[in-house]
Protein backbone atom coordinates (compact mmCIF):
# COMPACT_ATOMS: atom_id res chain seq x y z
CA MET A 1 -0.75 14.32 -24.37
CA LEU A 2 2.68 15.26 -22.98
CA ASP A 3 4.08 18.56 -21.81
CA ARG A 4 7.34 19.94 -23.18
CA ASP A 5 9.31 18.01 -20.54
CA GLY A 6 7.75 14.65 -21.41
CA PHE A 7 5.31 14.40 -18.48
CA ARG A 8 1.71 13.31 -18.98
CA PRO A 9 -0.92 15.30 -17.02
CA ASN A 10 -2.61 13.05 -14.49
CA VAL A 11 -4.81 13.12 -11.39
CA GLY A 12 -4.51 11.19 -8.13
CA ILE A 13 -7.34 10.55 -5.66
CA ILE A 14 -7.21 10.14 -1.88
CA LEU A 15 -10.70 9.04 -0.82
CA LEU A 16 -11.62 9.29 2.87
CA ASN A 17 -14.43 7.55 4.69
CA GLN A 18 -16.15 9.05 7.75
CA ARG A 19 -13.42 7.63 10.00
CA ASN A 20 -10.70 9.39 7.96
CA GLN A 21 -9.44 6.09 6.58
CA VAL A 22 -8.41 6.05 2.92
CA PHE A 23 -9.41 3.83 0.01
CA TRP A 24 -6.49 1.51 -0.71
CA GLY A 25 -6.67 -0.56 -3.90
CA LYS A 26 -4.67 -3.63 -4.97
CA ARG A 27 -3.58 -3.26 -8.57
CA ILE A 28 -5.05 -6.09 -10.62
CA ARG A 29 -2.92 -9.25 -10.73
CA THR A 30 -0.01 -7.67 -8.85
CA HIS A 31 1.11 -7.30 -5.24
CA SER A 32 1.18 -3.47 -5.46
CA TRP A 33 -1.34 -1.27 -3.66
CA GLN A 34 -2.17 2.27 -4.69
CA PHE A 35 -4.66 5.13 -4.80
CA PRO A 36 -6.91 5.65 -7.83
CA GLN A 37 -5.28 7.73 -10.54
CA GLY A 38 -5.44 8.34 -14.29
CA GLY A 39 -4.59 10.63 -17.17
CA ILE A 40 -6.22 13.93 -18.04
CA ASP A 41 -7.71 13.80 -21.53
CA ARG A 42 -7.36 16.68 -23.96
CA GLY A 43 -9.94 19.37 -23.15
CA GLU A 44 -10.55 18.12 -19.58
CA THR A 45 -9.89 20.08 -16.43
CA PRO A 46 -8.16 18.21 -13.58
CA GLU A 47 -11.46 18.10 -11.67
CA GLN A 48 -13.35 16.67 -14.66
CA ALA A 49 -10.66 14.02 -15.10
CA MET A 50 -10.82 13.22 -11.38
CA PHE A 51 -14.57 12.54 -11.48
CA ARG A 52 -14.20 10.41 -14.62
CA GLU A 53 -11.40 8.34 -13.08
CA LEU A 54 -13.34 8.05 -9.81
CA HIS A 55 -16.17 6.35 -11.67
CA GLU A 56 -14.00 4.24 -13.96
CA GLU A 57 -11.78 2.87 -11.18
CA VAL A 58 -14.06 2.64 -8.13
CA GLY A 59 -17.56 3.13 -9.53
CA LEU A 60 -18.43 6.33 -7.63
CA MET A 61 -20.38 9.29 -8.98
CA PRO A 62 -19.93 12.98 -8.05
CA ASN A 63 -22.89 12.83 -5.66
CA HIS A 64 -21.11 10.08 -3.67
CA VAL A 65 -18.22 12.34 -2.61
CA ARG A 66 -17.31 15.79 -1.35
CA VAL A 67 -14.20 17.55 -2.64
CA VAL A 68 -12.16 18.58 0.43
CA ALA A 69 -8.93 19.91 -1.10
CA ARG A 70 -6.37 19.53 -3.89
CA THR A 71 -2.63 19.99 -4.16
CA ARG A 72 -1.46 23.48 -5.05
CA ASP A 73 0.94 22.45 -7.83
CA TRP A 74 1.82 19.48 -10.03
CA LEU A 75 3.67 16.60 -8.34
CA ARG A 76 5.93 14.64 -10.69
CA TYR A 77 7.42 11.16 -10.86
CA GLU A 78 9.57 9.55 -13.54
CA VAL A 79 8.70 6.09 -14.86
CA PRO A 80 11.59 3.61 -15.34
CA ASP A 81 12.23 2.56 -18.94
CA ARG A 82 11.14 -1.03 -18.30
CA TYR A 83 7.57 0.20 -17.72
CA ILE A 84 7.47 2.38 -20.84
CA ARG A 85 6.43 1.11 -24.27
CA ARG A 86 9.33 0.96 -26.69
CA ASP A 87 7.75 3.46 -29.08
CA ALA A 88 7.38 5.99 -26.24
CA ARG A 89 10.92 5.79 -24.90
CA GLY A 90 12.97 8.88 -25.44
CA HIS A 91 10.08 11.36 -25.29
CA TYR A 92 7.82 10.03 -22.50
CA LYS A 93 9.33 10.66 -19.08
CA GLY A 94 6.60 10.14 -16.50
CA GLN A 95 3.55 11.68 -14.87
CA LYS A 96 2.73 15.07 -13.39
CA GLN A 97 -0.24 14.92 -11.04
CA ILE A 98 -2.79 17.06 -9.28
CA TRP A 99 -3.99 15.22 -6.19
CA PHE A 100 -7.51 15.53 -4.79
CA LEU A 101 -8.67 14.78 -1.25
CA LEU A 102 -12.28 13.54 -1.28
CA GLN A 103 -14.64 12.41 1.46
CA LEU A 104 -17.17 9.67 0.82
CA VAL A 105 -20.71 10.83 1.60
CA GLY A 106 -22.25 7.67 0.17
CA HIS A 107 -21.85 4.10 1.41
CA ASP A 108 -19.24 1.39 1.10
CA TRP A 109 -21.58 -0.59 -1.13
CA ASP A 110 -21.55 2.24 -3.68
CA LEU A 111 -17.98 1.29 -4.59
CA ASN A 112 -17.68 -0.98 -7.62
CA LEU A 113 -14.34 -2.20 -8.99
CA ARG A 114 -16.10 -3.54 -12.10
CA ALA A 115 -17.64 -0.28 -13.32
CA THR A 116 -15.82 -0.72 -16.67
CA ASP A 117 -14.51 -3.60 -18.76
CA HIS A 118 -10.93 -2.66 -17.88
CA PRO A 119 -10.65 -2.75 -14.07
CA GLU A 120 -7.58 -1.33 -12.34
CA PHE A 121 -8.06 -3.08 -8.98
CA ASP A 122 -9.02 -6.59 -7.88
CA ALA A 123 -9.20 -5.86 -4.12
CA TRP A 124 -9.61 -2.89 -1.81
CA ARG A 125 -9.74 -1.95 1.85
CA TRP A 126 -9.99 1.07 4.13
CA ASN A 127 -6.53 1.86 5.45
CA ASP A 128 -5.19 4.35 7.98
CA TYR A 129 -4.33 7.70 6.38
CA TRP A 130 -0.56 7.08 6.39
CA VAL A 131 -0.51 4.14 4.01
CA PRO A 132 2.39 1.62 4.03
CA LEU A 133 4.67 2.88 1.26
CA ASP A 134 6.49 -0.46 1.12
CA VAL A 135 3.61 -1.90 -0.92
CA VAL A 136 3.54 1.02 -3.38
CA VAL A 137 5.56 0.61 -6.57
CA GLU A 138 8.91 2.21 -5.79
CA PHE A 139 8.93 5.09 -8.27
CA LYS A 140 5.61 6.46 -6.93
CA ARG A 141 6.56 6.58 -3.26
CA GLY A 142 7.96 10.11 -3.27
CA VAL A 143 4.81 11.57 -4.81
CA TYR A 144 2.63 9.64 -2.35
CA GLU A 145 4.56 11.09 0.56
CA MET A 146 4.30 14.63 -0.84
CA ALA A 147 0.57 14.36 -1.59
CA LEU A 148 -0.34 12.82 1.77
CA THR A 149 1.77 15.35 3.66
CA GLU A 150 0.41 18.40 1.81
CA LEU A 151 -3.22 17.30 2.11
CA SER A 152 -3.05 16.02 5.70
CA ARG A 153 -3.85 19.46 7.12
CA PHE A 154 -7.23 19.39 5.35
CA VAL A 155 -8.37 16.06 6.80
CA PRO A 156 -11.68 16.81 8.57
CA ARG A 157 -12.07 16.20 12.26
CA SER A 158 -13.65 12.88 13.01
CA GLU A 159 -16.59 12.51 15.38
CA GLN A 160 -14.24 10.76 17.79
CA GLN A 161 -12.00 13.85 17.95
CA ARG A 162 -14.99 16.16 18.54
CA ASN A 163 -16.24 13.92 21.36
CA ARG A 164 -12.80 14.07 22.98
CA TYR A 165 -12.97 17.86 23.07
CA LEU A 166 -16.40 17.76 24.69
CA ARG A 167 -15.21 15.32 27.36
CA SER A 168 -12.23 17.58 28.14
CA GLY A 169 -14.52 20.61 28.49
CA LEU A 170 -13.01 22.40 25.48
CA ARG A 171 -14.81 23.55 22.41
CA PRO A 172 -13.12 22.61 19.10
CA ARG A 173 -12.30 26.27 18.38
CA GLU A 174 -10.52 26.59 21.72
CA GLN A 175 -8.47 23.52 20.95
CA GLU A 176 -7.66 24.93 17.49
CA GLY A 177 -6.31 28.07 19.10
CA ALA A 178 -4.03 26.00 21.29
CA SER A 179 -2.71 23.92 18.41
CA GLY A 180 -2.76 26.61 15.72
CA ASN A 181 -4.38 24.20 13.25
CA ALA A 182 -8.09 24.05 12.47
CA PHE A 183 -7.95 20.56 11.03
CA ALA A 184 -5.67 18.70 13.47
CA PRO A 185 -3.75 16.84 10.72
CA PRO A 186 -2.92 13.22 11.41
CA SER A 187 0.67 12.13 11.92
CA PRO A 188 2.22 8.82 10.86
CA PRO A 189 2.18 6.19 13.61
CA GLN A 190 5.55 5.67 15.32
CA HIS A 191 6.28 2.38 13.53
CA MET A 192 5.79 3.98 10.08
CA GLN A 193 7.53 7.33 10.45
CA ALA A 194 10.64 6.25 8.53
CA MET A 195 8.45 5.86 5.45
CA TYR A 196 7.66 9.57 5.72
CA PRO A 197 11.04 11.23 6.33
CA ALA A 198 9.48 14.68 6.01
CA ARG A 199 7.54 13.83 9.19
CA THR A 200 10.77 12.42 10.81
CA GLY A 201 11.44 9.01 12.40
CA HIS A 202 13.92 6.15 12.07
CA PHE A 203 12.02 2.86 12.17
CA ARG A 204 10.83 0.99 9.10
CA ILE A 205 8.53 -1.97 8.66
CA ASN A 206 8.11 -4.32 5.76
CA PRO A 207 4.57 -5.73 5.99
CA GLY A 208 4.96 -7.81 2.81
CA MET A 209 1.20 -8.13 2.67
CA GLU A 210 -0.62 -9.50 -0.32
CA LEU A 211 -4.22 -9.25 0.83
CA PRO A 212 -4.36 -7.67 4.30
CA PRO A 213 -7.01 -8.41 6.91
CA GLY A 214 -10.18 -6.47 6.20
CA ALA A 215 -9.59 -6.29 2.44
CA SER A 216 -12.39 -6.94 -0.04
CA PHE A 217 -11.43 -9.34 -2.82
CA ASP A 218 -13.18 -8.81 -6.13
CA PRO A 219 -11.53 -11.15 -8.65
CA ASP A 220 -11.94 -10.54 -12.34
CA PRO A 221 -14.11 -13.47 -13.53
CA GLN A 222 -12.19 -13.51 -16.83
CA THR A 223 -8.78 -13.64 -15.16
CA ASN A 224 -6.85 -16.78 -14.30
CA LEU A 225 -5.25 -15.89 -10.98
CA THR A 226 -2.41 -18.31 -11.70
CA ASP A 227 -1.28 -16.15 -14.64
CA PRO A 228 1.95 -14.17 -14.24
CA PRO A 229 1.59 -10.60 -12.96
CA ASP A 230 0.29 -8.01 -15.37
CA THR A 231 3.19 -6.42 -17.27
CA LYS A 232 1.32 -3.60 -18.98
CA PRO A 233 2.86 -0.13 -18.57
CA LEU A 234 1.97 1.44 -15.27
CA GLN A 235 0.21 4.79 -15.14
């Protein structure tokens, strides 16, 4: 299902835990890391598609999460020809996405990368909100920056932030008045700001990580990990 410009409707998911870290998944049999995402089927609303993809890719049900926010408009990226099936070239251009910010109200053990017979990820971890864009496939990086930046102002205050206000003798509302922002959006750490030029900065890192410390590895029992990387078209 494509629009008149050749973009397929799609949803992206930024899933927060209670520490405001985000779910970060390693695409199966590749070295690329990404957020859950998937196409919107005919007759589905973006929210319906989001809950379906949430279950298919990470095994969560609607009662495991709380919807915090979504992007106002579609965010688009073009897919290079080498990732597009031959029969789709010429009329398929890429994806247009609505991004959702969710907060996990369940537990880590509720996540399941093998909820279907066609898993998207073979490892996952909780990562700081400003994910390392160097490990995202290149043509998606612009959309990731736009989605994370737009939704950052809706990130809920953590318990640690609330405790800091109490220690300083300020109530959260008083602090909000001083900052002008009720949600105290996170900012990229200094060493990653060049990955988010909209947030300014000039330093860039290249972590080159394959399976970072703290990641959970969930290999596909039917996959030979010595096989070449998956070459199926990317979403």
